[in-house]
C-alpha atoms as a PDB file:
ATOM      1  CA  MET A   1     -17.269  26.766 -18.781  1.00  0.00           C
ATOM      2  CA  GLU A   2     -17.806  22.936 -18.637  1.00  0.00           C
ATOM      3  CA  ARG A   3     -15.799  22.790 -22.167  1.00  0.00           C
ATOM      4  CA  MET A   4     -12.687  24.675 -20.444  1.00  0.00           C
ATOM      5  CA  LEU A   5     -13.214  22.397 -17.372  1.00  0.00           C
ATOM      6  CA  GLN A   6     -12.684  19.131 -19.395  1.00  0.00           C
ATOM      7  CA  ALA A   7     -10.032  20.720 -21.582  1.00  0.00           C
ATOM      8  CA  MET A   8      -8.171  21.434 -18.180  1.00  0.00           C
ATOM      9  CA  GLU A   9      -8.741  17.957 -16.830  1.00  0.00           C
ATOM     10  CA  VAL A  10      -7.283  16.236 -20.309  1.00  0.00           C
ATOM     11  CA  PHE A  11      -4.136  18.415 -20.250  1.00  0.00           C
ATOM     12  CA  ALA A  12      -3.457  17.482 -16.564  1.00  0.00           C
ATOM     13  CA  ARG A  13      -3.839  13.741 -17.455  1.00  0.00           C
ATOM     14  CA  ILE A  14      -1.648  14.243 -20.569  1.00  0.00           C
ATOM     15  CA  VAL A  15       1.131  15.968 -18.463  1.00  0.00           C
ATOM     16  CA  GLU A  16       1.121  13.299 -16.051  1.00  0.00           C
ATOM     17  CA  CYS A  17       0.908  10.475 -18.370  1.00  0.00           C
ATOM     18  CA  GLU A  18       3.348  11.925 -20.763  1.00  0.00           C
ATOM     19  CA  ASN A  19       1.364  10.521 -23.557  1.00  0.00           C
ATOM     20  CA  PHE A  20      -1.792  11.375 -25.514  1.00  0.00           C
ATOM     21  CA  THR A  21      -2.842   7.567 -26.485  1.00  0.00           C
ATOM     22  CA  ARG A  22      -2.374   6.671 -22.312  1.00  0.00           C
ATOM     23  CA  ALA A  23      -4.156   9.651 -21.103  1.00  0.00           C
ATOM     24  CA  SER A  24      -7.253   9.663 -23.297  1.00  0.00           C
ATOM     25  CA  SER A  25      -7.463   5.841 -22.631  1.00  0.00           C
ATOM     26  CA  LEU A  26      -7.585   6.596 -18.930  1.00  0.00           C
ATOM     27  CA  LEU A  27     -10.095   9.335 -19.441  1.00  0.00           C
ATOM     28  CA  GLY A  28     -12.310   7.296 -21.724  1.00  0.00           C
ATOM     29  CA  ILE A  29     -12.322   9.411 -24.768  1.00  0.00           C
ATOM     30  CA  PRO A  30     -10.795   9.056 -28.233  1.00  0.00           C
ATOM     31  CA  LYS A  31      -7.312  10.357 -28.593  1.00  0.00           C
ATOM     32  CA  ALA A  32      -8.660  12.634 -31.585  1.00  0.00           C
ATOM     33  CA  SER A  33     -11.075  14.413 -28.899  1.00  0.00           C
ATOM     34  CA  ALA A  34      -8.106  14.856 -26.710  1.00  0.00           C
ATOM     35  CA  SER A  35      -5.906  16.311 -29.235  1.00  0.00           C
ATOM     36  CA  LEU A  36      -8.460  18.692 -30.408  1.00  0.00           C
ATOM     37  CA  LEU A  37      -9.199  19.971 -26.846  1.00  0.00           C
ATOM     38  CA  ILE A  38      -5.549  20.548 -26.100  1.00  0.00           C
ATOM     39  CA  GLN A  39      -5.373  22.381 -29.541  1.00  0.00           C
ATOM     40  CA  GLN A  40      -8.529  24.595 -28.786  1.00  0.00           C
ATOM     41  CA  LEU A  41      -7.025  25.227 -25.423  1.00  0.00           C
ATOM     42  CA  GLU A  42      -3.572  26.552 -26.716  1.00  0.00           C
ATOM     43  CA  VAL A  43      -5.529  28.777 -29.238  1.00  0.00           C
ATOM     44  CA  HIS A  44      -7.717  30.073 -26.532  1.00  0.00           C
ATOM     45  CA  LEU A  45      -4.549  31.068 -24.458  1.00  0.00           C
ATOM     46  CA  GLN A  46      -2.598  31.921 -27.147  1.00  0.00           C
ATOM     47  CA  VAL A  47       0.388  29.903 -26.160  1.00  0.00           C
ATOM     48  CA  LYS A  48       1.945  26.356 -26.796  1.00  0.00           C
ATOM     49  CA  LEU A  49       1.659  24.219 -23.763  1.00  0.00           C
ATOM     50  CA  LEU A  50       3.280  21.051 -24.943  1.00  0.00           C
ATOM     51  CA  HIS A  51       6.042  19.860 -26.603  1.00  0.00           C
ATOM     52  CA  ARG A  52       5.231  16.740 -28.740  1.00  0.00           C
ATOM     53  CA  THR A  53       7.962  14.013 -30.265  1.00  0.00           C
ATOM     54  CA  THR A  54       7.091  10.566 -31.424  1.00  0.00           C
ATOM     55  CA  ARG A  55       8.071   9.081 -27.803  1.00  0.00           C
ATOM     56  CA  GLN A  56       7.149  11.562 -25.342  1.00  0.00           C
ATOM     57  CA  VAL A  57       4.816  14.560 -24.633  1.00  0.00           C
ATOM     58  CA  ARG A  58       6.294  17.234 -22.046  1.00  0.00           C
ATOM     59  CA  PRO A  59       4.939  20.419 -20.982  1.00  0.00           C
ATOM     60  CA  THR A  60       6.297  23.670 -22.046  1.00  0.00           C
ATOM     61  CA  PRO A  61       7.578  26.480 -19.189  1.00  0.00           C
ATOM     62  CA  ALA A  62       4.169  28.050 -20.197  1.00  0.00           C
ATOM     63  CA  GLY A  63       2.760  24.701 -20.021  1.00  0.00           C
ATOM     64  CA  MET A  64       4.098  23.649 -16.321  1.00  0.00           C
ATOM     65  CA  THR A  65       2.518  27.034 -15.076  1.00  0.00           C
ATOM     66  CA  PHE A  66      -0.657  26.210 -16.535  1.00  0.00           C
ATOM     67  CA  TYR A  67      -0.658  22.520 -15.367  1.00  0.00           C
ATOM     68  CA  GLU A  68       0.113  23.875 -11.589  1.00  0.00           C
ATOM     69  CA  HIS A  69      -2.982  26.470 -11.895  1.00  0.00           C
ATOM     70  CA  CYS A  70      -5.240  23.593 -13.112  1.00  0.00           C
ATOM     71  CA  LEU A  71      -4.295  21.083 -10.353  1.00  0.00           C
ATOM     72  CA  LYS A  72      -5.392  23.872  -8.094  1.00  0.00           C
ATOM     73  CA  ILE A  73      -8.481  24.913  -9.586  1.00  0.00           C
ATOM     74  CA  LEU A  74      -9.520  21.142 -10.107  1.00  0.00           C
ATOM     75  CA  LEU A  75      -8.829  20.404  -6.507  1.00  0.00           C
ATOM     76  CA  ASP A  76     -11.021  23.414  -5.535  1.00  0.00           C
ATOM     77  CA  ILE A  77     -14.018  22.239  -7.534  1.00  0.00           C
ATOM     78  CA  THR A  78     -13.598  18.599  -6.041  1.00  0.00           C
ATOM     79  CA  ASP A  79     -13.591  20.274  -2.469  1.00  0.00           C
ATOM     80  CA  LEU A  80     -16.502  22.498  -3.119  1.00  0.00           C
ATOM     81  CA  LYS A  81     -18.461  19.584  -4.543  1.00  0.00           C
ATOM     82  CA  SER A  82     -17.857  17.808  -1.246  1.00  0.00           C
ATOM     83  CA  LYS A  83     -18.903  20.360   0.956  1.00  0.00           C
ATOM     84  CA  ILE A  84     -22.272  21.041  -1.158  1.00  0.00           C
ATOM     85  CA  GLY A  85     -23.534  17.413  -1.273  1.00  0.00           C
ATOM     86  CA  SER A  86     -23.265  14.140   0.964  1.00  0.00           C
ATOM     87  CA  ALA A  87     -20.238  12.207  -0.356  1.00  0.00           C
ATOM     88  CA  ALA A  88     -22.055   8.738   0.542  1.00  0.00           C
ATOM     89  CA  GLU A  89     -24.891  10.068  -1.758  1.00  0.00           C
ATOM     90  CA  GLN A  90     -22.853  11.006  -4.655  1.00  0.00           C
ATOM     91  CA  ALA A  91     -20.091   8.280  -4.768  1.00  0.00           C
ATOM     92  CA  SER A  92     -20.099   6.453  -7.803  1.00  0.00           C
ATOM     93  CA  GLY A  93     -17.559   5.374 -10.738  1.00  0.00           C
ATOM     94  CA  ARG A  94     -14.797   3.196 -11.203  1.00  0.00           C
ATOM     95  CA  LEU A  95     -11.784   2.943  -8.856  1.00  0.00           C
ATOM     96  CA  ARG A  96      -8.793   0.853  -9.791  1.00  0.00           C
ATOM     97  CA  VAL A  97      -7.045  -0.003  -6.669  1.00  0.00           C
ATOM     98  CA  GLU A  98      -3.627  -1.903  -6.081  1.00  0.00           C
ATOM     99  CA  LEU A  99      -3.108  -3.875  -2.793  1.00  0.00           C
ATOM    100  CA  PRO A 100      -0.506  -6.075  -1.340  1.00  0.00           C
ATOM    101  CA  GLY A 101      -1.685  -9.425  -1.589  1.00  0.00           C
ATOM    102  CA  ASP A 102      -1.845 -10.285   1.812  1.00  0.00           C
ATOM    103  CA  ILE A 103      -3.783  -7.019   2.876  1.00  0.00           C
ATOM    104  CA  ALA A 104      -6.333  -8.016   0.054  1.00  0.00           C
ATOM    105  CA  ARG A 105      -6.842 -11.335   1.692  1.00  0.00           C
ATOM    106  CA  GLN A 106      -7.260  -9.732   5.206  1.00  0.00           C
ATOM    107  CA  LEU A 107      -9.833  -7.365   3.628  1.00  0.00           C
ATOM    108  CA  MET A 108     -11.905  -9.850   1.793  1.00  0.00           C
ATOM    109  CA  PRO A 109     -14.446 -10.481   4.548  1.00  0.00           C
ATOM    110  CA  TYR A 110     -15.143  -6.400   4.619  1.00  0.00           C
ATOM    111  CA  MET A 111     -15.432  -6.141   0.690  1.00  0.00           C
ATOM    112  CA  ALA A 112     -19.092  -6.897   0.872  1.00  0.00           C
ATOM    113  CA  ARG A 113     -20.045  -4.404   3.454  1.00  0.00           C
ATOM    114  CA  PHE A 114     -18.357  -1.900   0.978  1.00  0.00           C
ATOM    115  CA  ARG A 115     -20.454  -3.003  -2.114  1.00  0.00           C
ATOM    116  CA  LEU A 116     -23.421  -2.675   0.066  1.00  0.00           C
ATOM    117  CA  GLN A 117     -22.778   0.805   1.212  1.00  0.00           C
ATOM    118  CA  TYR A 118     -21.571   2.092  -1.984  1.00  0.00           C
ATOM    119  CA  PRO A 119     -23.249  -0.124  -4.664  1.00  0.00           C
ATOM    120  CA  ASP A 120     -22.399   2.520  -7.396  1.00  0.00           C
ATOM    121  CA  VAL A 121     -18.760   2.350  -6.810  1.00  0.00           C
ATOM    122  CA  SER A 122     -17.205  -0.118  -9.156  1.00  0.00           C
ATOM    123  CA  LEU A 123     -13.937  -1.481  -7.847  1.00  0.00           C
ATOM    124  CA  GLN A 124     -11.204  -3.060 -10.065  1.00  0.00           C
ATOM    125  CA  ILE A 125      -8.556  -4.539  -7.788  1.00  0.00           C
ATOM    126  CA  SER A 126      -5.368  -5.910  -8.635  1.00  0.00           C
ATOM    127  CA  THR A 127      -2.384  -7.463  -6.466  1.00  0.00           C
ATOM    128  CA  PRO A 128       0.558  -7.072  -8.751  1.00  0.00           C
ATOM    129  CA  ARG A 129       4.068  -8.625  -8.356  1.00  0.00           C
ATOM    130  CA  HIS A 130       5.609  -5.249  -8.545  1.00  0.00           C
ATOM    131  CA  SER A 131       4.473  -2.111  -7.584  1.00  0.00           C
ATOM    132  CA  SER A 132       2.735   0.255 -10.503  1.00  0.00           C
ATOM    133  CA  ASN A 133       3.519   3.594 -11.378  1.00  0.00           C
ATOM    134  CA  LEU A 134       0.256   5.268 -10.553  1.00  0.00           C
ATOM    135  CA  ILE A 135       0.082   7.982 -13.226  1.00  0.00           C
ATOM    136  CA  ARG A 136       1.170   5.913 -16.158  1.00  0.00           C
ATOM    137  CA  ASP A 137      -0.933   2.781 -15.258  1.00  0.00           C
ATOM    138  CA  GLY A 138      -3.993   4.681 -14.327  1.00  0.00           C
ATOM    139  CA  ILE A 139      -4.100   3.616 -10.801  1.00  0.00           C
ATOM    140  CA  ASP A 140      -6.501   5.533  -8.567  1.00  0.00           C
ATOM    141  CA  CYS A 141      -5.332   4.312  -5.334  1.00  0.00           C
ATOM    142  CA  ALA A 142      -2.462   2.291  -4.125  1.00  0.00           C
ATOM    143  CA  VAL A 143      -1.645   0.836  -0.821  1.00  0.00           C
ATOM    144  CA  ARG A 144       1.999   1.012   0.247  1.00  0.00           C
ATOM    145  CA  LEU A 145       3.731  -0.343   3.315  1.00  0.00           C
ATOM    146  CA  GLY A 146       6.445   1.388   5.190  1.00  0.00           C
ATOM    147  CA  ASP A 147       7.553   4.980   4.849  1.00  0.00           C
ATOM    148  CA  LEU A 148       7.127   6.683   1.717  1.00  0.00           C
ATOM    149  CA  GLU A 149       9.737   8.367  -0.721  1.00  0.00           C
ATOM    150  CA  ASP A 150       8.078   9.682  -3.729  1.00  0.00           C
ATOM    151  CA  SER A 151       6.704  13.374  -2.914  1.00  0.00           C
ATOM    152  CA  ILE A 152       4.957  13.488  -6.273  1.00  0.00           C
ATOM    153  CA  HIS A 153       1.982  11.239  -4.617  1.00  0.00           C
ATOM    154  CA  PHE A 154      -0.642  12.463  -2.177  1.00  0.00           C
ATOM    155  CA  SER A 155      -1.342  10.110   0.648  1.00  0.00           C
ATOM    156  CA  ARG A 156      -3.092   9.137   3.771  1.00  0.00           C
ATOM    157  CA  GLN A 157      -2.235   6.905   6.783  1.00  0.00           C
ATOM    158  CA  VAL A 158      -4.811   4.428   7.078  1.00  0.00           C
ATOM    159  CA  GLY A 159      -3.447   1.804   9.688  1.00  0.00           C
ATOM    160  CA  THR A 160      -0.253   0.309  10.660  1.00  0.00           C
ATOM    161  CA  TYR A 161       1.580  -3.377   9.672  1.00  0.00           C
ATOM    162  CA  GLN A 162       3.310  -4.727  12.415  1.00  0.00           C
ATOM    163  CA  LEU A 163       5.783  -7.577  11.842  1.00  0.00           C
ATOM    164  CA  ILE A 164       6.142 -10.245  14.636  1.00  0.00           C
ATOM    165  CA  THR A 165       8.895 -13.002  14.869  1.00  0.00           C
ATOM    166  CA  VAL A 166       7.292 -16.478  15.078  1.00  0.00           C
ATOM    167  CA  ALA A 167       8.091 -20.352  14.479  1.00  0.00           C
ATOM    168  CA  SER A 168       6.042 -23.436  15.008  1.00  0.00           C
ATOM    169  CA  ARG A 169       5.630 -24.972  18.376  1.00  0.00           C
ATOM    170  CA  LEU A 170       6.926 -28.176  16.762  1.00  0.00           C
ATOM    171  CA  TYR A 171      10.275 -26.280  15.348  1.00  0.00           C
ATOM    172  CA  LEU A 172      10.987 -24.705  18.480  1.00  0.00           C
ATOM    173  CA  SER A 173      10.522 -27.667  20.582  1.00  0.00           C
ATOM    174  CA  ARG A 174      13.396 -29.314  18.330  1.00  0.00           C
ATOM    175  CA  HIS A 175      15.705 -26.617  18.099  1.00  0.00           C
ATOM    176  CA  GLY A 176      14.741 -24.223  21.071  1.00  0.00           C
ATOM    177  CA  CYS A 177      13.546 -21.128  21.633  1.00  0.00           C
ATOM    178  CA  PRO A 178      16.074 -18.238  20.842  1.00  0.00           C
ATOM    179  CA  GLU A 179      16.153 -15.718  23.769  1.00  0.00           C
ATOM    180  CA  THR A 180      18.168 -12.873  22.050  1.00  0.00           C
ATOM    181  CA  VAL A 181      18.835 -11.614  18.409  1.00  0.00           C
ATOM    182  CA  GLN A 182      22.096 -13.228  18.599  1.00  0.00           C
ATOM    183  CA  ASN A 183      20.875 -16.634  19.329  1.00  0.00           C
ATOM    184  CA  LEU A 184      18.820 -16.317  16.038  1.00  0.00           C
ATOM    185  CA  SER A 185      22.238 -17.279  14.179  1.00  0.00           C
ATOM    186  CA  ALA A 186      22.221 -20.813  14.961  1.00  0.00           C
ATOM    187  CA  HIS A 187      18.401 -21.412  13.975  1.00  0.00           C
ATOM    188  CA  ARG A 188      17.296 -21.883  10.552  1.00  0.00           C
ATOM    189  CA  THR A 189      15.401 -18.778   9.128  1.00  0.00           C
ATOM    190  CA  ALA A 190      13.150 -17.986   6.063  1.00  0.00           C
ATOM    191  CA  HIS A 191      12.590 -14.495   4.521  1.00  0.00           C
ATOM    192  CA  ALA A 192      10.439 -12.353   2.405  1.00  0.00           C
ATOM    193  CA  SER A 193      12.191 -10.807  -0.538  1.00  0.00           C
ATOM    194  CA  HIS A 194      11.672  -7.648  -2.562  1.00  0.00           C
ATOM    195  CA  GLN A 195       9.353  -8.569  -5.802  1.00  0.00           C
ATOM    196  CA  SER A 196      11.386  -6.090  -7.677  1.00  0.00           C
ATOM    197  CA  ASP A 197      14.722  -7.416  -7.298  1.00  0.00           C
ATOM    198  CA  SER A 198      14.387 -10.838  -5.043  1.00  0.00           C
ATOM    199  CA  ARG A 199      16.674  -9.087  -2.303  1.00  0.00           C
ATOM    200  CA  PRO A 200      15.951 -11.193   1.057  1.00  0.00           C
ATOM    201  CA  TRP A 201      14.440  -8.464   3.693  1.00  0.00           C
ATOM    202  CA  GLU A 202      16.558  -8.410   6.729  1.00  0.00           C
ATOM    203  CA  PHE A 203      14.879  -9.268   9.961  1.00  0.00           C
ATOM    204  CA  GLY A 204      14.071  -5.884  12.083  1.00  0.00           C
ATOM    205  CA  PHE A 205      13.897  -5.507  15.665  1.00  0.00           C
ATOM    206  CA  ALA A 206      13.562  -2.887  18.212  1.00  0.00           C
ATOM    207  CA  LEU A 207      16.936  -2.928  20.293  1.00  0.00           C
ATOM    208  CA  ASP A 208      17.783  -0.677  22.894  1.00  0.00           C
ATOM    209  CA  GLY A 209      15.442   1.938  21.876  1.00  0.00           C
ATOM    210  CA  ARG A 210      16.208   1.939  18.090  1.00  0.00           C
ATOM    211  CA  SER A 211      15.277   0.245  15.065  1.00  0.00           C
ATOM    212  CA  THR A 212      17.932  -2.219  13.628  1.00  0.00           C
ATOM    213  CA  ARG A 213      17.961  -4.580  10.926  1.00  0.00           C
ATOM    214  CA  HIS A 214      20.065  -7.682  10.902  1.00  0.00           C
ATOM    215  CA  ARG A 215      21.170 -10.181   8.124  1.00  0.00           C
ATOM    216  CA  MET A 216      20.108 -13.929   9.095  1.00  0.00           C
ATOM    217  CA  PRO A 217      21.562 -16.798   7.297  1.00  0.00           C
ATOM    218  CA  GLU A 218      18.984 -17.807   5.006  1.00  0.00           C
ATOM    219  CA  SER A 219      18.409 -20.726   2.747  1.00  0.00           C
ATOM    220  CA  ILE A 220      15.067 -19.840   1.217  1.00  0.00           C
ATOM    221  CA  ALA A 221      13.103 -16.505   0.557  1.00  0.00           C
ATOM    222  CA  PHE A 222       9.925 -15.812  -0.614  1.00  0.00           C
ATOM    223  CA  ASP A 223       8.168 -12.976  -2.543  1.00  0.00           C
ATOM    224  CA  ASP A 224       4.784 -14.271  -1.279  1.00  0.00           C
ATOM    225  CA  MET A 225       4.057 -13.640   2.186  1.00  0.00           C
ATOM    226  CA  ASP A 226       1.202 -16.383   2.272  1.00  0.00           C
ATOM    227  CA  LEU A 227       4.037 -19.070   1.080  1.00  0.00           C
ATOM    228  CA  LEU A 228       6.219 -17.461   3.952  1.00  0.00           C
ATOM    229  CA  LEU A 229       3.749 -18.252   6.159  1.00  0.00           C
ATOM    230  CA  GLN A 230       3.138 -21.899   5.229  1.00  0.00           C
ATOM    231  CA  TYR A 231       6.723 -22.572   5.094  1.00  0.00           C
ATOM    232  CA  GLY A 232       6.934 -21.416   8.931  1.00  0.00           C
ATOM    233  CA  LEU A 233       3.842 -23.451   9.597  1.00  0.00           C
ATOM    234  CA  GLN A 234       5.591 -26.571   7.901  1.00  0.00           C
ATOM    235  CA  ASN A 235       8.208 -26.346  10.893  1.00  0.00           C
ATOM    236  CA  GLY A 236      10.559 -24.599   8.158  1.00  0.00           C
ATOM    237  CA  GLY A 237      12.110 -22.208  10.820  1.00  0.00           C
ATOM    238  CA  VAL A 238      12.029 -18.861  12.179  1.00  0.00           C
ATOM    239  CA  ILE A 239      10.116 -16.335  10.183  1.00  0.00           C
ATOM    240  CA  GLN A 240       8.713 -12.571  10.410  1.00  0.00           C
ATOM    241  CA  VAL A 241       4.946 -12.096   9.445  1.00  0.00           C
ATOM    242  CA  TRP A 242       2.292  -9.611   9.926  1.00  0.00           C
ATOM    243  CA  ASP A 243       0.786 -10.197  13.148  1.00  0.00           C
ATOM    244  CA  THR A 244      -2.682 -10.086  11.743  1.00  0.00           C
ATOM    245  CA  VAL A 245      -1.851 -12.853   9.417  1.00  0.00           C
ATOM    246  CA  ALA A 246      -0.127 -14.873  12.074  1.00  0.00           C
ATOM    247  CA  ALA A 247      -3.127 -14.286  14.847  1.00  0.00           C
ATOM    248  CA  PRO A 248      -5.230 -17.518  13.933  1.00  0.00           C
ATOM    249  CA  TYR A 249      -1.884 -19.564  14.247  1.00  0.00           C
ATOM    250  CA  LEU A 250      -0.905 -18.139  17.437  1.00  0.00           C
ATOM    251  CA  ALA A 251      -4.615 -18.535  19.119  1.00  0.00           C
ATOM    252  CA  SER A 252      -4.721 -22.257  17.917  1.00  0.00           C
ATOM    253  CA  GLY A 253      -1.044 -22.952  19.232  1.00  0.00           C
ATOM    254  CA  ARG A 254       0.553 -23.821  15.816  1.00  0.00           C
ATOM    255  CA  LEU A 255       2.932 -20.781  16.054  1.00  0.00           C
ATOM    256  CA  LYS A 256       4.595 -19.019  18.737  1.00  0.00           C
ATOM    257  CA  GLU A 257       5.825 -15.786  18.881  1.00  0.00           C
ATOM    258  CA  VAL A 258       9.219 -15.295  19.912  1.00  0.00           C
ATOM    259  CA  LEU A 259      11.419 -12.379  20.752  1.00  0.00           C
ATOM    260  CA  ALA A 260       8.405 -10.561  21.748  1.00  0.00           C
ATOM    261  CA  HIS A 261      10.069  -7.900  23.438  1.00  0.00           C
ATOM    262  CA  CYS A 262      12.401  -6.947  20.393  1.00  0.00           C
ATOM    263  CA  ARG A 263       9.135  -6.556  17.914  1.00  0.00           C
ATOM    264  CA  PRO A 264      10.174  -4.068  15.414  1.00  0.00           C
ATOM    265  CA  ARG A 265       8.677  -0.929  15.235  1.00  0.00           C
ATOM    266  CA  ALA A 266       5.469  -0.890  13.308  1.00  0.00           C
ATOM    267  CA  ARG A 267       5.538   0.323   9.819  1.00  0.00           C
ATOM    268  CA  PRO A 268       2.808   2.711   8.507  1.00  0.00           C
ATOM    269  CA  ILE A 269       0.293   1.717   5.760  1.00  0.00           C
ATOM    270  CA  HIS A 270      -0.243   4.546   3.251  1.00  0.00           C
ATOM    271  CA  ALA A 271      -3.308   4.945   0.723  1.00  0.00           C
ATOM    272  CA  VAL A 272      -1.549   6.716  -2.279  1.00  0.00           C
ATOM    273  CA  TYR A 273      -2.813   8.613  -5.038  1.00  0.00           C
ATOM    274  CA  ALA A 274      -1.097  10.633  -7.528  1.00  0.00           C
ATOM    275  CA  CYS A 275      -2.949  13.820  -7.573  1.00  0.00           C
ATOM    276  CA  ARG A 276      -5.816  15.349  -5.572  1.00  0.00           C
ATOM    277  CA  THR A 277      -7.905  15.974  -8.518  1.00  0.00           C
ATOM    278  CA  ARG A 278      -8.493  12.401  -8.704  1.00  0.00           C
ATOM    279  CA  GLU A 279      -9.808  12.474  -5.192  1.00  0.00           C
ATOM    280  CA  SER A 280     -13.372  11.891  -6.197  1.00  0.00           C
ATOM    281  CA  MET A 281     -15.875  11.109  -3.884  1.00  0.00           C
ATOM    282  CA  ALA A 282     -15.692   7.569  -4.646  1.00  0.00           C
ATOM    283  CA  LEU A 283     -12.007   7.637  -3.505  1.00  0.00           C
ATOM    284  CA  ARG A 284     -12.929   9.344  -0.366  1.00  0.00           C
ATOM    285  CA  VAL A 285     -15.435   6.861   0.742  1.00  0.00           C
ATOM    286  CA  PHE A 286     -12.930   4.118  -0.224  1.00  0.00           C
ATOM    287  CA  VAL A 287     -10.262   5.471   1.738  1.00  0.00           C
ATOM    288  CA  ASP A 288     -12.125   6.008   4.880  1.00  0.00           C
ATOM    289  CA  TRP A 289     -13.694   2.374   4.312  1.00  0.00           C
ATOM    290  CA  LEU A 290     -10.038   1.101   3.958  1.00  0.00           C
ATOM    291  CA  SER A 291      -8.758   2.572   7.332  1.00  0.00           C
ATOM    292  CA  SER A 292     -11.887   1.313   9.160  1.00  0.00           C
ATOM    293  CA  ALA A 293     -11.400  -1.918   7.788  1.00  0.00           C
ATOM    294  CA  LEU A 294      -7.702  -2.209   8.704  1.00  0.00           C
ATOM    295  CA  GLU A 295      -8.535  -1.345  11.994  1.00  0.00           C
ATOM    296  CA  ASP A 296     -10.754  -3.963  12.474  1.00  0.00           C
ATOM    297  CA  THR A 297      -8.456  -6.626  11.313  1.00  0.00           C
ATOM    298  CA  ILE A 298      -5.885  -5.540  14.045  1.00  0.00           C
ATOM    299  CA  ALA A 299      -5.004  -8.725  15.748  1.00  0.00           C
ATOM    300  CA  PRO A 300      -5.367  -9.198  19.169  1.00  0.00           C
ATOM    301  CA  ARG A 301      -2.566 -10.952  21.019  1.00  0.00           C
ATOM    302  CA  PRO A 302      -4.032 -14.413  22.094  1.00  0.00           C
ATOM    303  CA  PRO A 303      -4.053 -14.859  25.997  1.00  0.00           C
ATOM    304  CA  ALA A 304      -0.938 -16.678  27.026  1.00  0.00           C
ATOM    305  CA  THR A 305      -1.163 -19.899  29.208  1.00  0.00           C
ATOM    306  CA  ALA A 306       0.048 -19.938  32.921  1.00  0.00           C
ATOM    307  CA  ALA A 307       3.121 -21.961  31.540  1.00  0.00           C
ATOM    308  CA  GLU A 308       3.671 -19.324  28.897  1.00  0.00           C
ATOM    309  CA  GLU A 309       3.304 -16.543  31.358  1.00  0.00           C
ATOM    310  CA  ARG A 310       6.201 -18.060  33.465  1.00  0.00           C
ATOM    311  CA  THR A 311       8.336 -18.408  30.554  1.00  0.00           C
ATOM    312  CA  ASP A 312       7.576 -14.723  29.231  1.00  0.00           C
ATOM    313  CA  THR A 313       8.294 -13.440  32.699  1.00  0.00           C
ATOM    314  CA  ALA A 314      11.544 -15.100  33.026  1.00  0.00           C
ATOM    315  CA  GLU A 315      12.624 -14.432  29.243  1.00  0.00           C
ATOM    316  CA  PRO A 316      15.619 -11.834  29.368  1.00  0.00           C
ATOM    317  CA  ALA A 317      15.372  -8.239  27.346  1.00  0.00           C
ATOM    318  CA  CYS A 318      16.424  -8.192  23.905  1.00  0.00           C
ATOM    319  CA  ALA A 319      20.191  -8.012  23.675  1.00  0.00           C
ATOM    320  CA  LEU A 320      22.081  -6.483  20.990  1.00  0.00           C
ATOM    321  CA  PRO A 321      24.065  -9.264  19.098  1.00  0.00           C
END
């Protein structure tokens, strides 16, 4: 039985990776062992499970049916283990985790807590410039911002990502405070850009009860949110950044939020994994910790001064451009 379960696990990973070499590497077994297991599986079932070429491996129709049943069986086994034992006691093994850079930096103060609580879980954390293919690159868990489009992945929402519009107080004293979205066209703006194709993000706002995006005249864009924040702190212009990242500078007075009534809809933060059979005890406790840590990082809005309260009271509601 144990040999059969191992063969099912190997077969499922080969189907996902479409490659014997990559799958065996991710599983930590020799390629020859993986090949032997699949051969024995096909003999046992008396059916061909995989089409093999020099470039790719794909399941046959019978192999695809078997793959779907493998997922259900392996998932049931994982769930059974979680019900029988304590997840905290059994959490062990290595997790490869992919995080956006700004989220990784905000989580750093909480990493030691996770290591103390789960000493047998080894974390390998990366902050790639481009999102990885979870299956192909062997990523156990990736954090993604915004609504998810890829339905083949399993996910759990672990928090929200609230963008706010800010500028340095010195910049605003020199150029004035924009009171409507339309006023922004007269201001210098800097943008975040998509790492995959370098397209600048449009500014987002909530106007008249709906989410809208606005292209601003930009002269500079960054694919690193920390650089965008530093540019804003150096009086470069109006920017949109994560409220948690901006919080210390709002509290110290170096930054001021503008168009607060037009804050865009908060974007969900998801923990994504390619297949629930990979949702080991280690992954489950990590995702629980991630949700708790992100909740702890939520930035309270700094208290306004009396002068600011008078200004905010007089500030008009957001207007469409």
